[in-house]
Amino acid sequence: MDDERSPIRFRLVLHRIDPEQGIRRFYSLMIERDLFGTVRLVRNWGRVWTPPGLQGFS
């Protein structure tokens, strides 16, 4: 990320789109720091154009 104040340091986003099977999904991984400075891996996934699932690990 360009902003030095951003807690997100690294981001990977993958898309799987298969119109024949009606599949439109995304998966992302982000490495970030929380308010206490702990490094966290955040996984985010879901269907394209719907609210994502979210899960974080310290």
PDB file of N, CA and C in Angstrom:
ATOM      1  N   MET A   1       0.842  -1.166   0.000  1.00  0.00           N
ATOM      2  CA  MET A   1       0.000   0.000   0.000  1.00  0.00           C
ATOM      3  C   MET A   1       0.894   1.238   0.000  1.00  0.00           C
ATOM      4  N   ASP A   2       0.438   2.307  -0.584  1.00  0.00           N
ATOM      5  CA  ASP A   2       1.228   3.522  -0.687  1.00  0.00           C
ATOM      6  C   ASP A   2       1.254   4.328   0.610  1.00  0.00           C
ATOM      7  N   ASP A   3       0.183   4.305   1.379  1.00  0.00           N
ATOM      8  CA  ASP A   3       0.082   5.101   2.598  1.00  0.00           C
ATOM      9  C   ASP A   3       0.860   4.428   3.721  1.00  0.00           C
ATOM     10  N   GLU A   4       1.862   5.121   4.277  1.00  0.00           N
ATOM     11  CA  GLU A   4       2.690   4.532   5.330  1.00  0.00           C
ATOM     12  C   GLU A   4       1.902   4.283   6.608  1.00  0.00           C
ATOM     13  N   ARG A   5       0.778   4.957   6.803  1.00  0.00           N
ATOM     14  CA  ARG A   5      -0.045   4.766   7.997  1.00  0.00           C
ATOM     15  C   ARG A   5      -0.977   3.569   7.869  1.00  0.00           C
ATOM     16  N   SER A   6      -1.094   2.998   6.709  1.00  0.00           N
ATOM     17  CA  SER A   6      -1.991   1.868   6.494  1.00  0.00           C
ATOM     18  C   SER A   6      -1.485   0.642   7.244  1.00  0.00           C
ATOM     19  N   PRO A   7      -2.385  -0.073   7.943  1.00  0.00           N
ATOM     20  CA  PRO A   7      -1.956  -1.291   8.636  1.00  0.00           C
ATOM     21  C   PRO A   7      -1.707  -2.459   7.684  1.00  0.00           C
ATOM     22  N   ILE A   8      -2.180  -2.360   6.439  1.00  0.00           N
ATOM     23  CA  ILE A   8      -2.021  -3.451   5.482  1.00  0.00           C
ATOM     24  C   ILE A   8      -0.654  -3.342   4.822  1.00  0.00           C
ATOM     25  N   ARG A   9       0.144  -4.402   4.927  1.00  0.00           N
ATOM     26  CA  ARG A   9       1.487  -4.397   4.366  1.00  0.00           C
ATOM     27  C   ARG A   9       1.576  -5.202   3.069  1.00  0.00           C
ATOM     28  N   PHE A  10       0.917  -6.321   3.028  1.00  0.00           N
ATOM     29  CA  PHE A  10       0.954  -7.164   1.831  1.00  0.00           C
ATOM     30  C   PHE A  10      -0.452  -7.665   1.560  1.00  0.00           C
ATOM     31  N   ARG A  11      -0.786  -7.810   0.259  1.00  0.00           N
ATOM     32  CA  ARG A  11      -2.132  -8.244  -0.114  1.00  0.00           C
ATOM     33  C   ARG A  11      -2.049  -9.119  -1.356  1.00  0.00           C
ATOM     34  N   LEU A  12      -2.777 -10.223  -1.343  1.00  0.00           N
ATOM     35  CA  LEU A  12      -2.888 -11.117  -2.495  1.00  0.00           C
ATOM     36  C   LEU A  12      -4.373 -11.370  -2.719  1.00  0.00           C
ATOM     37  N   VAL A  13      -4.851 -11.135  -3.943  1.00  0.00           N
ATOM     38  CA  VAL A  13      -6.258 -11.362  -4.274  1.00  0.00           C
ATOM     39  C   VAL A  13      -6.320 -12.282  -5.482  1.00  0.00           C
ATOM     40  N   LEU A  14      -7.094 -13.353  -5.366  1.00  0.00           N
ATOM     41  CA  LEU A  14      -7.296 -14.304  -6.459  1.00  0.00           C
ATOM     42  C   LEU A  14      -8.773 -14.334  -6.821  1.00  0.00           C
ATOM     43  N   HIS A  15      -9.070 -14.493  -8.105  1.00  0.00           N
ATOM     44  CA  HIS A  15     -10.449 -14.608  -8.580  1.00  0.00           C
ATOM     45  C   HIS A  15     -10.610 -15.925  -9.325  1.00  0.00           C
ATOM     46  N   ARG A  16     -11.761 -16.569  -9.131  1.00  0.00           N
ATOM     47  CA  ARG A  16     -12.109 -17.747  -9.924  1.00  0.00           C
ATOM     48  C   ARG A  16     -13.469 -17.461 -10.552  1.00  0.00           C
ATOM     49  N   ILE A  17     -13.465 -17.341 -11.869  1.00  0.00           N
ATOM     50  CA  ILE A  17     -14.699 -17.050 -12.596  1.00  0.00           C
ATOM     51  C   ILE A  17     -14.867 -18.089 -13.693  1.00  0.00           C
ATOM     52  N   ASP A  18     -15.975 -18.828 -13.623  1.00  0.00           N
ATOM     53  CA  ASP A  18     -16.297 -19.847 -14.620  1.00  0.00           C
ATOM     54  C   ASP A  18     -17.765 -19.671 -14.996  1.00  0.00           C
ATOM     55  N   PRO A  19     -18.054 -18.919 -16.069  1.00  0.00           N
ATOM     56  CA  PRO A  19     -19.445 -18.646 -16.445  1.00  0.00           C
ATOM     57  C   PRO A  19     -20.255 -19.907 -16.744  1.00  0.00           C
ATOM     58  N   GLU A  20     -19.620 -20.934 -17.293  1.00  0.00           N
ATOM     59  CA  GLU A  20     -20.352 -22.161 -17.631  1.00  0.00           C
ATOM     60  C   GLU A  20     -20.915 -22.841 -16.392  1.00  0.00           C
ATOM     61  N   GLN A  21     -20.188 -22.770 -15.278  1.00  0.00           N
ATOM     62  CA  GLN A  21     -20.647 -23.398 -14.036  1.00  0.00           C
ATOM     63  C   GLN A  21     -21.266 -22.389 -13.070  1.00  0.00           C
ATOM     64  N   GLY A  22     -21.300 -21.130 -13.468  1.00  0.00           N
ATOM     65  CA  GLY A  22     -21.875 -20.098 -12.605  1.00  0.00           C
ATOM     66  C   GLY A  22     -21.028 -19.797 -11.378  1.00  0.00           C
ATOM     67  N   ILE A  23     -19.723 -19.962 -11.496  1.00  0.00           N
ATOM     68  CA  ILE A  23     -18.820 -19.735 -10.368  1.00  0.00           C
ATOM     69  C   ILE A  23     -18.171 -18.365 -10.518  1.00  0.00           C
ATOM     70  N   ARG A  24     -18.310 -17.527  -9.479  1.00  0.00           N
ATOM     71  CA  ARG A  24     -17.670 -16.207  -9.424  1.00  0.00           C
ATOM     72  C   ARG A  24     -17.221 -16.011  -7.989  1.00  0.00           C
ATOM     73  N   ARG A  25     -15.978 -16.372  -7.696  1.00  0.00           N
ATOM     74  CA  ARG A  25     -15.481 -16.318  -6.326  1.00  0.00           C
ATOM     75  C   ARG A  25     -14.177 -15.548  -6.241  1.00  0.00           C
ATOM     76  N   PHE A  26     -13.884 -15.041  -5.044  1.00  0.00           N
ATOM     77  CA  PHE A  26     -12.595 -14.400  -4.801  1.00  0.00           C
ATOM     78  C   PHE A  26     -12.031 -14.897  -3.474  1.00  0.00           C
ATOM     79  N   TYR A  27     -10.732 -14.859  -3.372  1.00  0.00           N
ATOM     80  CA  TYR A  27      -9.995 -15.249  -2.174  1.00  0.00           C
ATOM     81  C   TYR A  27      -8.896 -14.209  -1.981  1.00  0.00           C
ATOM     82  N   SER A  28      -8.693 -13.731  -0.758  1.00  0.00           N
ATOM     83  CA  SER A  28      -7.610 -12.776  -0.529  1.00  0.00           C
ATOM     84  C   SER A  28      -6.915 -13.073   0.790  1.00  0.00           C
ATOM     85  N   LEU A  29      -5.631 -12.759   0.834  1.00  0.00           N
ATOM     86  CA  LEU A  29      -4.812 -12.838   2.043  1.00  0.00           C
ATOM     87  C   LEU A  29      -4.181 -11.474   2.247  1.00  0.00           C
ATOM     88  N   MET A  30      -4.211 -10.990   3.490  1.00  0.00           N
ATOM     89  CA  MET A  30      -3.570  -9.719   3.815  1.00  0.00           C
ATOM     90  C   MET A  30      -2.734  -9.906   5.070  1.00  0.00           C
ATOM     91  N   ILE A  31      -1.532  -9.362   5.066  1.00  0.00           N
ATOM     92  CA  ILE A  31      -0.702  -9.314   6.262  1.00  0.00           C
ATOM     93  C   ILE A  31      -0.772  -7.883   6.758  1.00  0.00           C
ATOM     94  N   GLU A  32      -1.206  -7.714   8.017  1.00  0.00           N
ATOM     95  CA  GLU A  32      -1.384  -6.376   8.558  1.00  0.00           C
ATOM     96  C   GLU A  32      -1.022  -6.347  10.030  1.00  0.00           C
ATOM     97  N   ARG A  33      -0.940  -5.157  10.581  1.00  0.00           N
ATOM     98  CA  ARG A  33      -0.711  -4.974  12.017  1.00  0.00           C
ATOM     99  C   ARG A  33      -2.003  -4.465  12.650  1.00  0.00           C
ATOM    100  N   ASP A  34      -2.323  -4.991  13.842  1.00  0.00           N
ATOM    101  CA  ASP A  34      -3.501  -4.496  14.546  1.00  0.00           C
ATOM    102  C   ASP A  34      -3.128  -3.267  15.374  1.00  0.00           C
ATOM    103  N   LEU A  35      -4.038  -2.768  16.179  1.00  0.00           N
ATOM    104  CA  LEU A  35      -3.798  -1.554  16.958  1.00  0.00           C
ATOM    105  C   LEU A  35      -2.674  -1.706  17.977  1.00  0.00           C
ATOM    106  N   PHE A  36      -2.366  -2.939  18.359  1.00  0.00           N
ATOM    107  CA  PHE A  36      -1.323  -3.187  19.350  1.00  0.00           C
ATOM    108  C   PHE A  36       0.006  -3.561  18.708  1.00  0.00           C
ATOM    109  N   GLY A  37       0.073  -3.541  17.373  1.00  0.00           N
ATOM    110  CA  GLY A  37       1.314  -3.837  16.666  1.00  0.00           C
ATOM    111  C   GLY A  37       1.528  -5.303  16.349  1.00  0.00           C
ATOM    112  N   THR A  38       0.571  -6.154  16.706  1.00  0.00           N
ATOM    113  CA  THR A  38       0.680  -7.580  16.419  1.00  0.00           C
ATOM    114  C   THR A  38       0.456  -7.828  14.932  1.00  0.00           C
ATOM    115  N   VAL A  39       1.297  -8.657  14.334  1.00  0.00           N
ATOM    116  CA  VAL A  39       1.138  -8.997  12.920  1.00  0.00           C
ATOM    117  C   VAL A  39       0.027 -10.026  12.794  1.00  0.00           C
ATOM    118  N   ARG A  40      -0.881  -9.801  11.853  1.00  0.00           N
ATOM    119  CA  ARG A  40      -2.029 -10.693  11.656  1.00  0.00           C
ATOM    120  C   ARG A  40      -2.137 -11.101  10.195  1.00  0.00           C
ATOM    121  N   LEU A  41      -2.566 -12.337   9.979  1.00  0.00           N
ATOM    122  CA  LEU A  41      -2.909 -12.816   8.647  1.00  0.00           C
ATOM    123  C   LEU A  41      -4.429 -12.817   8.564  1.00  0.00           C
ATOM    124  N   VAL A  42      -4.975 -12.071   7.624  1.00  0.00           N
ATOM    125  CA  VAL A  42      -6.427 -11.974   7.469  1.00  0.00           C
ATOM    126  C   VAL A  42      -6.815 -12.651   6.167  1.00  0.00           C
ATOM    127  N   ARG A  43      -7.707 -13.640   6.275  1.00  0.00           N
ATOM    128  CA  ARG A  43      -8.227 -14.328   5.086  1.00  0.00           C
ATOM    129  C   ARG A  43      -9.614 -13.784   4.804  1.00  0.00           C
ATOM    130  N   ASN A  44      -9.884 -13.549   3.545  1.00  0.00           N
ATOM    131  CA  ASN A  44     -11.158 -12.997   3.124  1.00  0.00           C
ATOM    132  C   ASN A  44     -11.590 -13.768   1.883  1.00  0.00           C
ATOM    133  N   TRP A  45     -12.848 -14.181   1.824  1.00  0.00           N
ATOM    134  CA  TRP A  45     -13.309 -14.946   0.676  1.00  0.00           C
ATOM    135  C   TRP A  45     -14.797 -14.733   0.497  1.00  0.00           C
ATOM    136  N   GLY A  46     -15.273 -15.093  -0.664  1.00  0.00           N
ATOM    137  CA  GLY A  46     -16.706 -15.008  -0.907  1.00  0.00           C
ATOM    138  C   GLY A  46     -17.021 -15.023  -2.384  1.00  0.00           C
ATOM    139  N   ARG A  47     -18.284 -14.816  -2.674  1.00  0.00           N
ATOM    140  CA  ARG A  47     -18.712 -14.718  -4.064  1.00  0.00           C
ATOM    141  C   ARG A  47     -18.545 -13.282  -4.518  1.00  0.00           C
ATOM    142  N   VAL A  48     -18.218 -13.112  -5.774  1.00  0.00           N
ATOM    143  CA  VAL A  48     -18.078 -11.765  -6.319  1.00  0.00           C
ATOM    144  C   VAL A  48     -19.446 -11.088  -6.248  1.00  0.00           C
ATOM    145  N   TRP A  49     -19.469  -9.868  -5.757  1.00  0.00           N
ATOM    146  CA  TRP A  49     -20.668  -9.042  -5.600  1.00  0.00           C
ATOM    147  C   TRP A  49     -21.575  -9.481  -4.459  1.00  0.00           C
ATOM    148  N   THR A  50     -21.051 -10.202  -3.465  1.00  0.00           N
ATOM    149  CA  THR A  50     -21.810 -10.501  -2.253  1.00  0.00           C
ATOM    150  C   THR A  50     -20.920 -10.208  -1.049  1.00  0.00           C
ATOM    151  N   PRO A  51     -21.478 -10.025   0.149  1.00  0.00           N
ATOM    152  CA  PRO A  51     -20.644  -9.773   1.331  1.00  0.00           C
ATOM    153  C   PRO A  51     -19.698 -10.944   1.594  1.00  0.00           C
ATOM    154  N   PRO A  52     -18.432 -10.657   1.894  1.00  0.00           N
ATOM    155  CA  PRO A  52     -17.440 -11.718   2.070  1.00  0.00           C
ATOM    156  C   PRO A  52     -17.464 -12.348   3.448  1.00  0.00           C
ATOM    157  N   GLY A  53     -16.891 -13.562   3.526  1.00  0.00           N
ATOM    158  CA  GLY A  53     -16.576 -14.163   4.810  1.00  0.00           C
ATOM    159  C   GLY A  53     -15.261 -13.556   5.270  1.00  0.00           C
ATOM    160  N   LEU A  54     -15.048 -13.494   6.576  1.00  0.00           N
ATOM    161  CA  LEU A  54     -13.837 -12.853   7.084  1.00  0.00           C
ATOM    162  C   LEU A  54     -13.348 -13.618   8.299  1.00  0.00           C
ATOM    163  N   GLN A  55     -12.052 -13.867   8.350  1.00  0.00           N
ATOM    164  CA  GLN A  55     -11.484 -14.568   9.487  1.00  0.00           C
ATOM    165  C   GLN A  55     -10.062 -14.075   9.688  1.00  0.00           C
ATOM    166  N   GLY A  56      -9.684 -13.787  10.906  1.00  0.00           N
ATOM    167  CA  GLY A  56      -8.343 -13.285  11.178  1.00  0.00           C
ATOM    168  C   GLY A  56      -7.596 -14.188  12.144  1.00  0.00           C
ATOM    169  N   PHE A  57      -6.277 -14.230  12.019  1.00  0.00           N
ATOM    170  CA  PHE A  57      -5.422 -15.017  12.894  1.00  0.00           C
ATOM    171  C   PHE A  57      -4.255 -14.166  13.336  1.00  0.00           C
ATOM    172  N   SER A  58      -3.860 -14.298  14.585  1.00  0.00           N
ATOM    173  CA  SER A  58      -2.679 -13.582  15.089  1.00  0.00           C
ATOM    174  C   SER A  58      -1.482 -14.502  15.083  1.00  0.00           C
TER     175      SER A  58
END
